[in-house]
Amino acid sequence: MLVPLGPWGMLALSAVDASFMGMPLDPIFVYYVYTDRSRFLLYVLLGSAGSALGSIVLYIIGYTGGEVLLRKRLPAERFEKIHESFDRHEFWALMFPAMLPPPTPFKIVVLAAAAFEMNFGHFLLAIFAGRFIRFLIEALVTLWFGPQIVTVIGNAFAHHFLWILAGVAALIVAWLLWRQAKIRSRRDNRK
């Protein structure tokens, strides 16, 4: 059905997926990349741009009434935790979930970003950057190992989501600790 649209089908599909209607975006993206290997970077760019553009719909909804919607759907403690995360690191709080494949509840994070009045330019850039990294990794894995590996990784991610999230969090914490130690070492060397 998307073949007549060519590469623009990826843009359209990712915009629809990001706006309101969840689509099987990853298998279609992998199909595009695998069947047209020479233009894989174009598909990465179009998929990322489509996701950012489609998220504008959720941004408008979130900006106009998202806080009420989020308070209804999330426990108060979870709502405050997300709000605090956006207050401290709004760009990263949106970019990291944009990198993660399903079952990450990305639309809730997008609504939260809008409800907490994230800068619109930063909003679009964070989604574009996160999706660009995600699609680039998927494209490279597809090119190196074939389309089946993406399905295997997707299934592993879906069944072990919490463990993978814990591993990513541990890596981030380790990197932050290493960075702090390096900064302290430089300070000590200056004295």
Protein backbone atom coordinates (compact mmCIF):
# COMPACT_ATOMS: atom_id res chain seq x y z
CA MET A 1 0.00 0.00 0.00
CA LEU A 2 2.88 2.39 0.76
CA VAL A 3 4.97 1.40 -2.27
CA PRO A 4 3.50 4.10 -4.57
CA LEU A 5 4.52 6.75 -2.03
CA GLY A 6 8.16 5.66 -2.16
CA PRO A 7 10.32 7.12 0.61
CA TRP A 8 7.58 9.61 1.47
CA GLY A 9 5.53 6.70 2.78
CA MET A 10 7.96 6.48 5.69
CA LEU A 11 7.38 10.15 6.48
CA ALA A 12 3.61 9.77 6.32
CA LEU A 13 3.52 6.55 8.33
CA SER A 14 5.77 7.85 11.11
CA ALA A 15 3.73 11.07 11.32
CA VAL A 16 0.49 9.10 11.68
CA ASP A 17 2.13 6.76 14.21
CA ALA A 18 3.38 9.66 16.34
CA SER A 19 0.20 11.70 16.19
CA PHE A 20 -2.61 9.53 17.40
CA MET A 21 -2.70 6.08 15.89
CA GLY A 22 -0.08 3.51 16.84
CA MET A 23 1.18 1.70 13.75
CA PRO A 24 3.59 -1.22 13.27
CA LEU A 25 6.28 1.31 12.39
CA ASP A 26 9.42 -0.74 13.02
CA PRO A 27 8.68 -3.67 10.67
CA ILE A 28 7.72 -1.26 7.89
CA PHE A 29 10.85 0.82 8.48
CA VAL A 30 12.99 -2.34 8.35
CA TYR A 31 11.27 -3.34 5.09
CA TYR A 32 12.05 0.04 3.53
CA VAL A 33 15.70 -0.12 4.61
CA TYR A 34 16.22 -3.74 3.58
CA THR A 35 14.67 -3.35 0.14
CA ASP A 36 16.37 -0.03 -0.64
CA ARG A 37 19.73 -0.26 1.13
CA SER A 38 21.38 2.63 -0.70
CA ARG A 39 18.89 5.14 0.74
CA PHE A 40 18.78 3.89 4.32
CA LEU A 41 19.86 7.29 5.68
CA LEU A 42 16.98 8.96 3.83
CA TYR A 43 14.55 6.61 5.59
CA VAL A 44 16.16 7.40 8.94
CA LEU A 45 15.75 11.13 8.31
CA LEU A 46 12.19 10.86 6.99
CA GLY A 47 11.11 8.58 9.85
CA SER A 48 12.61 10.95 12.41
CA ALA A 49 11.07 14.03 10.79
CA GLY A 50 7.68 12.33 10.51
CA SER A 51 7.73 11.39 14.19
CA ALA A 52 8.56 14.96 15.18
CA LEU A 53 5.87 16.42 12.91
CA GLY A 54 3.23 13.92 14.01
CA SER A 55 3.95 14.67 17.66
CA ILE A 56 2.77 18.24 17.11
CA VAL A 57 -0.81 16.96 17.40
CA LEU A 58 -0.07 15.51 20.85
CA TYR A 59 1.81 18.68 21.79
CA ILE A 60 -1.29 20.79 21.07
CA ILE A 61 -3.50 18.41 23.04
CA GLY A 62 -1.03 18.29 25.92
CA TYR A 63 -0.46 22.02 25.96
CA THR A 64 -4.17 22.84 26.08
CA GLY A 65 -5.30 20.22 28.58
CA GLY A 66 -2.60 17.67 29.12
CA GLU A 67 -2.04 18.23 32.81
CA VAL A 68 -5.66 17.35 33.61
CA LEU A 69 -5.44 14.29 31.35
CA LEU A 70 -2.17 13.14 32.93
CA ARG A 71 -3.47 13.60 36.47
CA LYS A 72 -6.43 11.35 35.58
CA ARG A 73 -4.22 8.63 34.06
CA LEU A 74 -1.23 8.63 36.40
CA PRO A 75 -0.94 8.19 40.15
CA ALA A 76 -0.03 11.47 41.91
CA GLU A 77 3.43 10.18 42.88
CA ARG A 78 4.26 9.17 39.29
CA PHE A 79 2.96 12.49 37.96
CA GLU A 80 5.20 14.45 40.33
CA LYS A 81 8.20 12.30 39.46
CA ILE A 82 7.72 12.94 35.73
CA HIS A 83 7.16 16.65 36.35
CA GLU A 84 10.38 16.86 38.39
CA SER A 85 12.30 15.04 35.65
CA PHE A 86 11.09 17.55 33.06
CA ASP A 87 11.93 20.47 35.31
CA ARG A 88 15.54 19.33 35.62
CA HIS A 89 16.28 17.87 32.18
CA GLU A 90 13.42 18.50 29.79
CA PHE A 91 15.36 17.76 26.60
CA TRP A 92 16.81 14.46 27.85
CA ALA A 93 13.54 13.46 29.54
CA LEU A 94 11.94 13.47 26.08
CA MET A 95 14.86 12.37 23.92
CA PHE A 96 15.66 9.14 25.77
CA PRO A 97 12.09 7.75 25.58
CA ALA A 98 12.01 8.75 21.89
CA MET A 99 14.96 6.40 21.34
CA LEU A 100 13.23 3.41 22.88
CA PRO A 101 11.07 1.02 20.84
CA PRO A 102 7.63 -0.20 21.91
CA PRO A 103 6.32 -0.95 24.55
CA THR A 104 7.72 2.35 25.83
CA PRO A 105 4.73 4.61 26.66
CA PHE A 106 6.09 7.40 24.48
CA LYS A 107 2.81 9.24 23.82
CA ILE A 108 2.38 9.80 27.58
CA VAL A 109 5.85 11.34 27.71
CA VAL A 110 5.01 13.60 24.76
CA LEU A 111 1.80 14.71 26.47
CA ALA A 112 3.76 15.35 29.65
CA ALA A 113 6.32 17.47 27.80
CA ALA A 114 3.54 19.63 26.39
CA ALA A 115 1.63 19.79 29.67
CA PHE A 116 4.78 20.98 31.43
CA GLU A 117 5.16 23.64 28.71
CA MET A 118 8.38 22.44 27.14
CA ASN A 119 9.88 24.85 24.63
CA PHE A 120 8.39 23.92 21.24
CA GLY A 121 11.71 24.02 19.36
CA HIS A 122 13.38 21.85 21.99
CA PHE A 123 10.38 19.53 21.87
CA LEU A 124 10.74 18.94 18.12
CA LEU A 125 14.52 18.63 18.32
CA ALA A 126 14.38 16.11 21.19
CA ILE A 127 11.93 13.88 19.33
CA PHE A 128 13.87 14.15 16.07
CA ALA A 129 17.20 13.36 17.80
CA GLY A 130 15.80 10.42 19.76
CA ARG A 131 14.05 8.90 16.77
CA PHE A 132 17.09 9.51 14.57
CA ILE A 133 19.27 7.47 16.93
CA ARG A 134 16.64 4.72 17.19
CA PHE A 135 16.08 4.47 13.43
CA LEU A 136 19.80 4.67 12.66
CA ILE A 137 20.52 1.77 15.01
CA GLU A 138 17.64 -0.23 13.51
CA ALA A 139 18.86 0.50 9.98
CA LEU A 140 22.45 -0.49 10.70
CA VAL A 141 21.41 -3.67 12.50
CA THR A 142 19.13 -4.52 9.56
CA LEU A 143 21.89 -3.90 7.02
CA TRP A 144 24.44 -5.96 8.96
CA PHE A 145 22.31 -8.89 10.12
CA GLY A 146 19.13 -8.87 8.02
CA PRO A 147 15.57 -7.96 8.94
CA GLN A 148 15.01 -11.00 11.17
CA ILE A 149 17.40 -9.70 13.84
CA VAL A 150 15.23 -6.62 14.43
CA THR A 151 12.27 -8.90 15.19
CA VAL A 152 14.39 -10.96 17.60
CA ILE A 153 15.66 -7.83 19.37
CA GLY A 154 12.14 -6.34 19.46
CA ASN A 155 10.75 -9.50 21.07
CA ALA A 156 13.56 -9.57 23.61
CA PHE A 157 12.94 -5.91 24.40
CA ALA A 158 9.19 -6.47 24.82
CA HIS A 159 9.67 -9.44 27.15
CA HIS A 160 12.57 -8.02 29.18
CA PHE A 161 11.74 -4.31 29.10
CA LEU A 162 12.39 -3.65 32.79
CA TRP A 163 15.74 -5.45 32.77
CA ILE A 164 16.89 -3.57 29.69
CA LEU A 165 15.72 -0.28 31.19
CA ALA A 166 17.58 -1.09 34.41
CA GLY A 167 20.72 -1.88 32.41
CA VAL A 168 20.52 1.40 30.52
CA ALA A 169 19.96 3.27 33.77
CA ALA A 170 22.97 1.52 35.33
CA LEU A 171 25.14 2.51 32.37
CA ILE A 172 24.00 6.13 32.66
CA VAL A 173 24.69 6.19 36.40
CA ALA A 174 28.14 4.63 35.86
CA TRP A 175 28.92 7.23 33.21
CA LEU A 176 27.78 10.09 35.49
CA LEU A 177 29.91 8.77 38.36
CA TRP A 178 32.92 8.42 36.07
CA ARG A 179 32.39 11.96 34.81
CA GLN A 180 32.14 13.36 38.35
CA ALA A 181 35.33 11.53 39.35
CA LYS A 182 37.11 12.96 36.32
CA ILE A 183 35.97 16.50 37.17
CA ARG A 184 37.13 16.10 40.79
CA SER A 185 40.46 14.76 39.58
CA ARG A 186 40.98 17.82 37.39
CA ARG A 187 40.12 20.13 40.30
CA ASP A 188 42.56 18.31 42.58
CA ASN A 189 45.32 18.52 39.95
CA ARG A 190 44.85 22.29 39.62
CA LYS A 191 45.39 22.86 43.35
